[in-house]
Amino acid sequence: MAVIHADDAQRFTAEVLQAEGPVLVDFWAGWCGPCRMMAPVVEELSQKYPNVKVVKSDVDQLGAFAGQFGISSIPAFLLFENGKVVKHAVGAMPLAALAERLGI
């Protein structure tokens, strides 16, 4: 499944908060080196785990949502189930470690 970019409140709400099933949100920023390093990992995850919707959200565009979910450092990964956060991970890591931390 392709990675979805949700950089406005309406799209974030529709793609993440109103979605059924697992949704992984990658909170990132273009100026963040570790975030850029994780981009291919996130893309690979979206291909390897097609049952998980993957959404990237730029914290510079959606600071309110980042604050709402307690994002204080990036990259931050939140796994949502039916609109609720169920797992999280922070920082750059290999795909296997990210999948393990998120239980996917």
PDB file of N, CA and C in Angstrom:
ATOM      1  N   MET A   1       0.854  -1.179   0.000  1.00  0.00           N
ATOM      2  CA  MET A   1       0.000   0.000   0.000  1.00  0.00           C
ATOM      3  C   MET A   1       0.898   1.239   0.000  1.00  0.00           C
ATOM      4  N   ALA A   2       0.501   2.237  -0.743  1.00  0.00           N
ATOM      5  CA  ALA A   2       1.284   3.465  -0.836  1.00  0.00           C
ATOM      6  C   ALA A   2       1.186   4.278   0.452  1.00  0.00           C
ATOM      7  N   VAL A   3       2.239   5.007   0.738  1.00  0.00           N
ATOM      8  CA  VAL A   3       2.256   5.903   1.892  1.00  0.00           C
ATOM      9  C   VAL A   3       1.369   7.098   1.576  1.00  0.00           C
ATOM     10  N   ILE A   4       0.538   7.479   2.530  1.00  0.00           N
ATOM     11  CA  ILE A   4      -0.384   8.606   2.378  1.00  0.00           C
ATOM     12  C   ILE A   4       0.200   9.801   3.120  1.00  0.00           C
ATOM     13  N   HIS A   5       0.150  10.974   2.504  1.00  0.00           N
ATOM     14  CA  HIS A   5       0.601  12.200   3.166  1.00  0.00           C
ATOM     15  C   HIS A   5      -0.630  12.955   3.659  1.00  0.00           C
ATOM     16  N   ALA A   6      -0.677  13.181   4.957  1.00  0.00           N
ATOM     17  CA  ALA A   6      -1.794  13.901   5.577  1.00  0.00           C
ATOM     18  C   ALA A   6      -1.234  15.119   6.297  1.00  0.00           C
ATOM     19  N   ASP A   7      -1.207  16.235   5.587  1.00  0.00           N
ATOM     20  CA  ASP A   7      -0.610  17.446   6.146  1.00  0.00           C
ATOM     21  C   ASP A   7      -1.622  18.553   6.393  1.00  0.00           C
ATOM     22  N   ASP A   8      -2.894  18.182   6.468  1.00  0.00           N
ATOM     23  CA  ASP A   8      -3.903  19.143   6.908  1.00  0.00           C
ATOM     24  C   ASP A   8      -4.867  18.412   7.836  1.00  0.00           C
ATOM     25  N   ALA A   9      -5.563  19.163   8.656  1.00  0.00           N
ATOM     26  CA  ALA A   9      -6.399  18.578   9.704  1.00  0.00           C
ATOM     27  C   ALA A   9      -7.498  17.684   9.133  1.00  0.00           C
ATOM     28  N   GLN A  10      -8.114  18.090   8.040  1.00  0.00           N
ATOM     29  CA  GLN A  10      -9.205  17.305   7.462  1.00  0.00           C
ATOM     30  C   GLN A  10      -8.698  15.948   6.978  1.00  0.00           C
ATOM     31  N   ARG A  11      -7.575  15.943   6.289  1.00  0.00           N
ATOM     32  CA  ARG A  11      -7.038  14.674   5.772  1.00  0.00           C
ATOM     33  C   ARG A  11      -6.566  13.784   6.923  1.00  0.00           C
ATOM     34  N   PHE A  12      -5.902  14.370   7.941  1.00  0.00           N
ATOM     35  CA  PHE A  12      -5.438  13.594   9.091  1.00  0.00           C
ATOM     36  C   PHE A  12      -6.629  12.942   9.788  1.00  0.00           C
ATOM     37  N   THR A  13      -7.675  13.705   9.993  1.00  0.00           N
ATOM     38  CA  THR A  13      -8.865  13.174  10.660  1.00  0.00           C
ATOM     39  C   THR A  13      -9.454  12.014   9.864  1.00  0.00           C
ATOM     40  N   ALA A  14      -9.576  12.194   8.555  1.00  0.00           N
ATOM     41  CA  ALA A  14     -10.172  11.152   7.718  1.00  0.00           C
ATOM     42  C   ALA A  14      -9.290   9.913   7.622  1.00  0.00           C
ATOM     43  N   GLU A  15      -7.996  10.101   7.406  1.00  0.00           N
ATOM     44  CA  GLU A  15      -7.084   8.983   7.163  1.00  0.00           C
ATOM     45  C   GLU A  15      -6.655   8.251   8.432  1.00  0.00           C
ATOM     46  N   VAL A  16      -6.675   8.961   9.573  1.00  0.00           N
ATOM     47  CA  VAL A  16      -6.159   8.375  10.813  1.00  0.00           C
ATOM     48  C   VAL A  16      -7.254   8.207  11.862  1.00  0.00           C
ATOM     49  N   LEU A  17      -7.853   9.293  12.256  1.00  0.00           N
ATOM     50  CA  LEU A  17      -8.774   9.251  13.395  1.00  0.00           C
ATOM     51  C   LEU A  17     -10.099   8.563  13.075  1.00  0.00           C
ATOM     52  N   GLN A  18     -10.527   8.610  11.817  1.00  0.00           N
ATOM     53  CA  GLN A  18     -11.789   7.973  11.432  1.00  0.00           C
ATOM     54  C   GLN A  18     -11.582   6.630  10.741  1.00  0.00           C
ATOM     55  N   ALA A  19     -10.331   6.207  10.614  1.00  0.00           N
ATOM     56  CA  ALA A  19     -10.030   4.950   9.910  1.00  0.00           C
ATOM     57  C   ALA A  19     -10.297   3.748  10.803  1.00  0.00           C
ATOM     58  N   GLU A  20     -10.706   2.677  10.158  1.00  0.00           N
ATOM     59  CA  GLU A  20     -10.839   1.403  10.860  1.00  0.00           C
ATOM     60  C   GLU A  20      -9.562   0.611  10.620  1.00  0.00           C
ATOM     61  N   GLY A  21      -9.170  -0.165  11.599  1.00  0.00           N
ATOM     62  CA  GLY A  21      -7.968  -0.978  11.445  1.00  0.00           C
ATOM     63  C   GLY A  21      -6.710  -0.213  11.801  1.00  0.00           C
ATOM     64  N   PRO A  22      -5.556  -0.868  11.642  1.00  0.00           N
ATOM     65  CA  PRO A  22      -4.295  -0.267  12.060  1.00  0.00           C
ATOM     66  C   PRO A  22      -3.804   0.817  11.096  1.00  0.00           C
ATOM     67  N   VAL A  23      -3.385   1.941  11.679  1.00  0.00           N
ATOM     68  CA  VAL A  23      -2.810   3.050  10.914  1.00  0.00           C
ATOM     69  C   VAL A  23      -1.528   3.479  11.618  1.00  0.00           C
ATOM     70  N   LEU A  24      -0.419   3.441  10.897  1.00  0.00           N
ATOM     71  CA  LEU A  24       0.851   3.913  11.430  1.00  0.00           C
ATOM     72  C   LEU A  24       1.064   5.340  10.945  1.00  0.00           C
ATOM     73  N   VAL A  25       1.254   6.260  11.889  1.00  0.00           N
ATOM     74  CA  VAL A  25       1.536   7.647  11.540  1.00  0.00           C
ATOM     75  C   VAL A  25       2.996   7.940  11.828  1.00  0.00           C
ATOM     76  N   ASP A  26       3.684   8.443  10.810  1.00  0.00           N
ATOM     77  CA  ASP A  26       5.072   8.888  10.920  1.00  0.00           C
ATOM     78  C   ASP A  26       5.040  10.404  11.036  1.00  0.00           C
ATOM     79  N   PHE A  27       5.278  10.907  12.246  1.00  0.00           N
ATOM     80  CA  PHE A  27       5.403  12.350  12.453  1.00  0.00           C
ATOM     81  C   PHE A  27       6.837  12.724  12.123  1.00  0.00           C
ATOM     82  N   TRP A  28       7.036  13.610  11.170  1.00  0.00           N
ATOM     83  CA  TRP A  28       8.355  13.924  10.648  1.00  0.00           C
ATOM     84  C   TRP A  28       8.422  15.400  10.262  1.00  0.00           C
ATOM     85  N   ALA A  29       9.604  15.828   9.807  1.00  0.00           N
ATOM     86  CA  ALA A  29       9.799  17.167   9.251  1.00  0.00           C
ATOM     87  C   ALA A  29      10.917  17.095   8.221  1.00  0.00           C
ATOM     88  N   GLY A  30      10.839  17.933   7.204  1.00  0.00           N
ATOM     89  CA  GLY A  30      11.825  17.930   6.138  1.00  0.00           C
ATOM     90  C   GLY A  30      13.226  18.308   6.588  1.00  0.00           C
ATOM     91  N   TRP A  31      13.338  19.091   7.654  1.00  0.00           N
ATOM     92  CA  TRP A  31      14.636  19.535   8.154  1.00  0.00           C
ATOM     93  C   TRP A  31      15.280  18.513   9.096  1.00  0.00           C
ATOM     94  N   CYS A  32      14.582  17.429   9.389  1.00  0.00           N
ATOM     95  CA  CYS A  32      15.041  16.428  10.364  1.00  0.00           C
ATOM     96  C   CYS A  32      15.811  15.315   9.650  1.00  0.00           C
ATOM     97  N   GLY A  33      17.114  15.239   9.900  1.00  0.00           N
ATOM     98  CA  GLY A  33      17.959  14.218   9.280  1.00  0.00           C
ATOM     99  C   GLY A  33      17.495  12.794   9.564  1.00  0.00           C
ATOM    100  N   PRO A  34      17.270  12.427  10.827  1.00  0.00           N
ATOM    101  CA  PRO A  34      16.786  11.073  11.112  1.00  0.00           C
ATOM    102  C   PRO A  34      15.439  10.778  10.445  1.00  0.00           C
ATOM    103  N   CYS A  35      14.599  11.794  10.283  1.00  0.00           N
ATOM    104  CA  CYS A  35      13.315  11.593   9.600  1.00  0.00           C
ATOM    105  C   CYS A  35      13.553  11.238   8.136  1.00  0.00           C
ATOM    106  N   ARG A  36      14.471  11.941   7.504  1.00  0.00           N
ATOM    107  CA  ARG A  36      14.791  11.647   6.102  1.00  0.00           C
ATOM    108  C   ARG A  36      15.411  10.254   5.981  1.00  0.00           C
ATOM    109  N   MET A  37      16.208   9.848   6.971  1.00  0.00           N
ATOM    110  CA  MET A  37      16.787   8.499   6.961  1.00  0.00           C
ATOM    111  C   MET A  37      15.696   7.434   7.060  1.00  0.00           C
ATOM    112  N   MET A  38      14.633   7.734   7.767  1.00  0.00           N
ATOM    113  CA  MET A  38      13.557   6.759   7.964  1.00  0.00           C
ATOM    114  C   MET A  38      12.584   6.676   6.793  1.00  0.00           C
ATOM    115  N   ALA A  39      12.628   7.627   5.877  1.00  0.00           N
ATOM    116  CA  ALA A  39      11.674   7.629   4.756  1.00  0.00           C
ATOM    117  C   ALA A  39      11.679   6.313   3.981  1.00  0.00           C
ATOM    118  N   PRO A  40      12.851   5.757   3.585  1.00  0.00           N
ATOM    119  CA  PRO A  40      12.807   4.477   2.868  1.00  0.00           C
ATOM    120  C   PRO A  40      12.347   3.323   3.758  1.00  0.00           C
ATOM    121  N   VAL A  41      12.598   3.397   5.046  1.00  0.00           N
ATOM    122  CA  VAL A  41      12.145   2.355   5.976  1.00  0.00           C
ATOM    123  C   VAL A  41      10.618   2.376   6.058  1.00  0.00           C
ATOM    124  N   VAL A  42      10.058   3.572   6.145  1.00  0.00           N
ATOM    125  CA  VAL A  42       8.602   3.716   6.211  1.00  0.00           C
ATOM    126  C   VAL A  42       7.972   3.223   4.912  1.00  0.00           C
ATOM    127  N   GLU A  43       8.588   3.550   3.795  1.00  0.00           N
ATOM    128  CA  GLU A  43       8.089   3.080   2.492  1.00  0.00           C
ATOM    129  C   GLU A  43       8.130   1.550   2.426  1.00  0.00           C
ATOM    130  N   GLU A  44       9.234   0.964   2.879  1.00  0.00           N
ATOM    131  CA  GLU A  44       9.362  -0.495   2.880  1.00  0.00           C
ATOM    132  C   GLU A  44       8.319  -1.132   3.797  1.00  0.00           C
ATOM    133  N   LEU A  45       8.089  -0.519   4.945  1.00  0.00           N
ATOM    134  CA  LEU A  45       7.087  -1.033   5.875  1.00  0.00           C
ATOM    135  C   LEU A  45       5.709  -1.050   5.214  1.00  0.00           C
ATOM    136  N   SER A  46       5.393   0.002   4.472  1.00  0.00           N
ATOM    137  CA  SER A  46       4.087   0.067   3.819  1.00  0.00           C
ATOM    138  C   SER A  46       3.917  -1.046   2.795  1.00  0.00           C
ATOM    139  N   GLN A  47       5.019  -1.476   2.181  1.00  0.00           N
ATOM    140  CA  GLN A  47       4.952  -2.561   1.204  1.00  0.00           C
ATOM    141  C   GLN A  47       4.923  -3.933   1.879  1.00  0.00           C
ATOM    142  N   LYS A  48       5.693  -4.086   2.944  1.00  0.00           N
ATOM    143  CA  LYS A  48       5.819  -5.372   3.618  1.00  0.00           C
ATOM    144  C   LYS A  48       4.593  -5.715   4.470  1.00  0.00           C
ATOM    145  N   TYR A  49       3.914  -4.692   4.980  1.00  0.00           N
ATOM    146  CA  TYR A  49       2.751  -4.894   5.843  1.00  0.00           C
ATOM    147  C   TYR A  49       1.534  -4.198   5.226  1.00  0.00           C
ATOM    148  N   PRO A  50       0.956  -4.771   4.168  1.00  0.00           N
ATOM    149  CA  PRO A  50      -0.149  -4.100   3.471  1.00  0.00           C
ATOM    150  C   PRO A  50      -1.421  -3.971   4.307  1.00  0.00           C
ATOM    151  N   ASN A  51      -1.507  -4.694   5.410  1.00  0.00           N
ATOM    152  CA  ASN A  51      -2.682  -4.576   6.275  1.00  0.00           C
ATOM    153  C   ASN A  51      -2.625  -3.328   7.162  1.00  0.00           C
ATOM    154  N   VAL A  52      -1.474  -2.640   7.179  1.00  0.00           N
ATOM    155  CA  VAL A  52      -1.308  -1.430   7.978  1.00  0.00           C
ATOM    156  C   VAL A  52      -1.282  -0.230   7.042  1.00  0.00           C
ATOM    157  N   LYS A  53      -2.215   0.700   7.238  1.00  0.00           N
ATOM    158  CA  LYS A  53      -2.195   1.951   6.472  1.00  0.00           C
ATOM    159  C   LYS A  53      -1.063   2.807   7.041  1.00  0.00           C
ATOM    160  N   VAL A  54      -0.228   3.371   6.176  1.00  0.00           N
ATOM    161  CA  VAL A  54       0.894   4.195   6.614  1.00  0.00           C
ATOM    162  C   VAL A  54       0.653   5.637   6.175  1.00  0.00           C
ATOM    163  N   VAL A  55       0.711   6.538   7.153  1.00  0.00           N
ATOM    164  CA  VAL A  55       0.447   7.960   6.920  1.00  0.00           C
ATOM    165  C   VAL A  55       1.624   8.771   7.425  1.00  0.00           C
ATOM    166  N   LYS A  56       2.130   9.669   6.589  1.00  0.00           N
ATOM    167  CA  LYS A  56       3.183  10.593   7.010  1.00  0.00           C
ATOM    168  C   LYS A  56       2.537  11.940   7.292  1.00  0.00           C
ATOM    169  N   SER A  57       2.934  12.555   8.410  1.00  0.00           N
ATOM    170  CA  SER A  57       2.376  13.841   8.801  1.00  0.00           C
ATOM    171  C   SER A  57       3.506  14.781   9.214  1.00  0.00           C
ATOM    172  N   ASP A  58       3.656  15.872   8.482  1.00  0.00           N
ATOM    173  CA  ASP A  58       4.704  16.860   8.730  1.00  0.00           C
ATOM    174  C   ASP A  58       4.332  17.690   9.963  1.00  0.00           C
ATOM    175  N   VAL A  59       5.168  17.657  10.991  1.00  0.00           N
ATOM    176  CA  VAL A  59       4.865  18.381  12.229  1.00  0.00           C
ATOM    177  C   VAL A  59       4.841  19.891  12.021  1.00  0.00           C
ATOM    178  N   ASP A  60       5.531  20.376  10.991  1.00  0.00           N
ATOM    179  CA  ASP A  60       5.489  21.811  10.705  1.00  0.00           C
ATOM    180  C   ASP A  60       4.137  22.220  10.132  1.00  0.00           C
ATOM    181  N   GLN A  61       3.437  21.290   9.503  1.00  0.00           N
ATOM    182  CA  GLN A  61       2.113  21.558   8.941  1.00  0.00           C
ATOM    183  C   GLN A  61       0.993  21.252   9.941  1.00  0.00           C
ATOM    184  N   LEU A  62       1.214  20.246  10.781  1.00  0.00           N
ATOM    185  CA  LEU A  62       0.176  19.798  11.716  1.00  0.00           C
ATOM    186  C   LEU A  62       0.674  19.809  13.159  1.00  0.00           C
ATOM    187  N   GLY A  63       1.238  20.914  13.563  1.00  0.00           N
ATOM    188  CA  GLY A  63       1.758  21.032  14.924  1.00  0.00           C
ATOM    189  C   GLY A  63       0.704  20.775  15.990  1.00  0.00           C
ATOM    190  N   ALA A  64      -0.545  21.147  15.710  1.00  0.00           N
ATOM    191  CA  ALA A  64      -1.610  20.944  16.703  1.00  0.00           C
ATOM    192  C   ALA A  64      -1.822  19.459  16.979  1.00  0.00           C
ATOM    193  N   PHE A  65      -1.822  18.634  15.933  1.00  0.00           N
ATOM    194  CA  PHE A  65      -1.995  17.200  16.143  1.00  0.00           C
ATOM    195  C   PHE A  65      -0.765  16.609  16.820  1.00  0.00           C
ATOM    196  N   ALA A  66       0.413  17.060  16.433  1.00  0.00           N
ATOM    197  CA  ALA A  66       1.639  16.574  17.082  1.00  0.00           C
ATOM    198  C   ALA A  66       1.576  16.873  18.574  1.00  0.00           C
ATOM    199  N   GLY A  67       1.148  18.071  18.927  1.00  0.00           N
ATOM    200  CA  GLY A  67       1.015  18.440  20.338  1.00  0.00           C
ATOM    201  C   GLY A  67      -0.049  17.628  21.037  1.00  0.00           C
ATOM    202  N   GLN A  68      -1.158  17.397  20.362  1.00  0.00           N
ATOM    203  CA  GLN A  68      -2.259  16.624  20.938  1.00  0.00           C
ATOM    204  C   GLN A  68      -1.818  15.213  21.318  1.00  0.00           C
ATOM    205  N   PHE A  69      -0.897  14.652  20.533  1.00  0.00           N
ATOM    206  CA  PHE A  69      -0.446  13.294  20.800  1.00  0.00           C
ATOM    207  C   PHE A  69       0.897  13.251  21.522  1.00  0.00           C
ATOM    208  N   GLY A  70       1.332  14.383  22.064  1.00  0.00           N
ATOM    209  CA  GLY A  70       2.523  14.414  22.904  1.00  0.00           C
ATOM    210  C   GLY A  70       3.830  14.220  22.160  1.00  0.00           C
ATOM    211  N   ILE A  71       3.887  14.580  20.892  1.00  0.00           N
ATOM    212  CA  ILE A  71       5.113  14.429  20.114  1.00  0.00           C
ATOM    213  C   ILE A  71       6.085  15.523  20.531  1.00  0.00           C
ATOM    214  N   SER A  72       7.202  15.122  21.123  1.00  0.00           N
ATOM    215  CA  SER A  72       8.208  16.098  21.551  1.00  0.00           C
ATOM    216  C   SER A  72       9.536  15.909  20.830  1.00  0.00           C
ATOM    217  N   SER A  73       9.700  14.793  20.146  1.00  0.00           N
ATOM    218  CA  SER A  73      10.883  14.580  19.308  1.00  0.00           C
ATOM    219  C   SER A  73      10.471  13.734  18.112  1.00  0.00           C
ATOM    220  N   ILE A  74      11.209  13.918  17.027  1.00  0.00           N
ATOM    221  CA  ILE A  74      10.886  13.205  15.795  1.00  0.00           C
ATOM    222  C   ILE A  74      12.131  12.551  15.238  1.00  0.00           C
ATOM    223  N   PRO A  75      11.996  11.517  14.436  1.00  0.00           N
ATOM    224  CA  PRO A  75      10.746  10.936  13.988  1.00  0.00           C
ATOM    225  C   PRO A  75      10.030  10.202  15.119  1.00  0.00           C
ATOM    226  N   ALA A  76       8.725  10.311  15.104  1.00  0.00           N
ATOM    227  CA  ALA A  76       7.885   9.616  16.072  1.00  0.00           C
ATOM    228  C   ALA A  76       6.849   8.813  15.296  1.00  0.00           C
ATOM    229  N   PHE A  77       6.612   7.607  15.748  1.00  0.00           N
ATOM    230  CA  PHE A  77       5.699   6.692  15.069  1.00  0.00           C
ATOM    231  C   PHE A  77       4.609   6.277  16.038  1.00  0.00           C
ATOM    232  N   LEU A  78       3.367   6.555  15.681  1.00  0.00           N
ATOM    233  CA  LEU A  78       2.227   6.169  16.505  1.00  0.00           C
ATOM    234  C   LEU A  78       1.375   5.192  15.724  1.00  0.00           C
ATOM    235  N   LEU A  79       1.036   4.082  16.358  1.00  0.00           N
ATOM    236  CA  LEU A  79       0.150   3.102  15.755  1.00  0.00           C
ATOM    237  C   LEU A  79      -1.243   3.320  16.328  1.00  0.00           C
ATOM    238  N   PHE A  80      -2.191   3.606  15.451  1.00  0.00           N
ATOM    239  CA  PHE A  80      -3.581   3.831  15.828  1.00  0.00           C
ATOM    240  C   PHE A  80      -4.397   2.597  15.466  1.00  0.00           C
ATOM    241  N   GLU A  81      -5.368   2.303  16.292  1.00  0.00           N
ATOM    242  CA  GLU A  81      -6.385   1.277  15.996  1.00  0.00           C
ATOM    243  C   GLU A  81      -7.732   1.947  16.223  1.00  0.00           C
ATOM    244  N   ASN A  82      -8.517   2.052  15.171  1.00  0.00           N
ATOM    245  CA  ASN A  82      -9.844   2.665  15.267  1.00  0.00           C
ATOM    246  C   ASN A  82      -9.792   4.045  15.928  1.00  0.00           C
ATOM    247  N   GLY A  83      -8.800   4.854  15.520  1.00  0.00           N
ATOM    248  CA  GLY A  83      -8.693   6.233  15.980  1.00  0.00           C
ATOM    249  C   GLY A  83      -8.001   6.441  17.306  1.00  0.00           C
ATOM    250  N   LYS A  84      -7.533   5.386  17.945  1.00  0.00           N
ATOM    251  CA  LYS A  84      -6.874   5.490  19.257  1.00  0.00           C
ATOM    252  C   LYS A  84      -5.425   5.018  19.159  1.00  0.00           C
ATOM    253  N   VAL A  85      -4.520   5.710  19.854  1.00  0.00           N
ATOM    254  CA  VAL A  85      -3.110   5.309  19.877  1.00  0.00           C
ATOM    255  C   VAL A  85      -2.981   4.046  20.725  1.00  0.00           C
ATOM    256  N   VAL A  86      -2.347   3.008  20.146  1.00  0.00           N
ATOM    257  CA  VAL A  86      -2.155   1.762  20.881  1.00  0.00           C
ATOM    258  C   VAL A  86      -0.677   1.453  21.126  1.00  0.00           C
ATOM    259  N   LYS A  87       0.221   1.987  20.289  1.00  0.00           N
ATOM    260  CA  LYS A  87       1.664   1.776  20.462  1.00  0.00           C
ATOM    261  C   LYS A  87       2.391   2.983  19.900  1.00  0.00           C
ATOM    262  N   HIS A  88       3.639   3.155  20.342  1.00  0.00           N
ATOM    263  CA  HIS A  88       4.440   4.245  19.785  1.00  0.00           C
ATOM    264  C   HIS A  88       5.925   3.886  19.825  1.00  0.00           C
ATOM    265  N   ALA A  89       6.684   4.556  18.987  1.00  0.00           N
ATOM    266  CA  ALA A  89       8.140   4.404  18.946  1.00  0.00           C
ATOM    267  C   ALA A  89       8.717   5.749  18.516  1.00  0.00           C
ATOM    268  N   VAL A  90       9.934   6.030  18.961  1.00  0.00           N
ATOM    269  CA  VAL A  90      10.587   7.296  18.628  1.00  0.00           C
ATOM    270  C   VAL A  90      12.009   7.026  18.175  1.00  0.00           C
ATOM    271  N   GLY A  91      12.434   7.742  17.129  1.00  0.00           N
ATOM    272  CA  GLY A  91      13.817   7.678  16.672  1.00  0.00           C
ATOM    273  C   GLY A  91      13.998   6.816  15.439  1.00  0.00           C
ATOM    274  N   ALA A  92      15.183   6.950  14.852  1.00  0.00           N
ATOM    275  CA  ALA A  92      15.535   6.175  13.667  1.00  0.00           C
ATOM    276  C   ALA A  92      15.939   4.767  14.083  1.00  0.00           C
ATOM    277  N   MET A  93      15.483   3.787  13.291  1.00  0.00           N
ATOM    278  CA  MET A  93      15.790   2.384  13.589  1.00  0.00           C
ATOM    279  C   MET A  93      15.545   1.557  12.342  1.00  0.00           C
ATOM    280  N   PRO A  94      16.097   0.347  12.297  1.00  0.00           N
ATOM    281  CA  PRO A  94      15.826  -0.536  11.162  1.00  0.00           C
ATOM    282  C   PRO A  94      14.360  -0.979  11.138  1.00  0.00           C
ATOM    283  N   LEU A  95      13.917  -1.440   9.993  1.00  0.00           N
ATOM    284  CA  LEU A  95      12.532  -1.876   9.817  1.00  0.00           C
ATOM    285  C   LEU A  95      12.130  -2.922  10.842  1.00  0.00           C
ATOM    286  N   ALA A  96      12.977  -3.932  11.055  1.00  0.00           N
ATOM    287  CA  ALA A  96      12.620  -5.014  11.985  1.00  0.00           C
ATOM    288  C   ALA A  96      12.383  -4.470  13.392  1.00  0.00           C
ATOM    289  N   ALA A  97      13.214  -3.533  13.827  1.00  0.00           N
ATOM    290  CA  ALA A  97      13.076  -2.967  15.169  1.00  0.00           C
ATOM    291  C   ALA A  97      11.792  -2.139  15.255  1.00  0.00           C
ATOM    292  N   LEU A  98      11.476  -1.374  14.231  1.00  0.00           N
ATOM    293  CA  LEU A  98      10.252  -0.564  14.232  1.00  0.00           C
ATOM    294  C   LEU A  98       9.025  -1.473  14.272  1.00  0.00           C
ATOM    295  N   ALA A  99       9.010  -2.491  13.435  1.00  0.00           N
ATOM    296  CA  ALA A  99       7.877  -3.415  13.415  1.00  0.00           C
ATOM    297  C   ALA A  99       7.704  -4.103  14.770  1.00  0.00           C
ATOM    298  N   GLU A 100       8.822  -4.484  15.376  1.00  0.00           N
ATOM    299  CA  GLU A 100       8.754  -5.165  16.682  1.00  0.00           C
ATOM    300  C   GLU A 100       8.217  -4.221  17.762  1.00  0.00           C
ATOM    301  N   ARG A 101       8.717  -2.992  17.803  1.00  0.00           N
ATOM    302  CA  ARG A 101       8.248  -2.036  18.819  1.00  0.00           C
ATOM    303  C   ARG A 101       6.774  -1.722  18.674  1.00  0.00           C
ATOM    304  N   LEU A 102       6.298  -1.747  17.433  1.00  0.00           N
ATOM    305  CA  LEU A 102       4.889  -1.422  17.197  1.00  0.00           C
ATOM    306  C   LEU A 102       4.005  -2.660  17.191  1.00  0.00           C
ATOM    307  N   GLY A 103       4.614  -3.828  17.262  1.00  0.00           N
ATOM    308  CA  GLY A 103       3.847  -5.061  17.307  1.00  0.00           C
ATOM    309  C   GLY A 103       3.104  -5.377  16.014  1.00  0.00           C
ATOM    310  N   ILE A 104       3.744  -5.040  14.889  1.00  0.00           N
ATOM    311  CA  ILE A 104       3.059  -5.320  13.603  1.00  0.00           C
ATOM    312  C   ILE A 104       3.754  -6.387  12.811  1.00  0.00           C
TER     313      ILE A 104
END
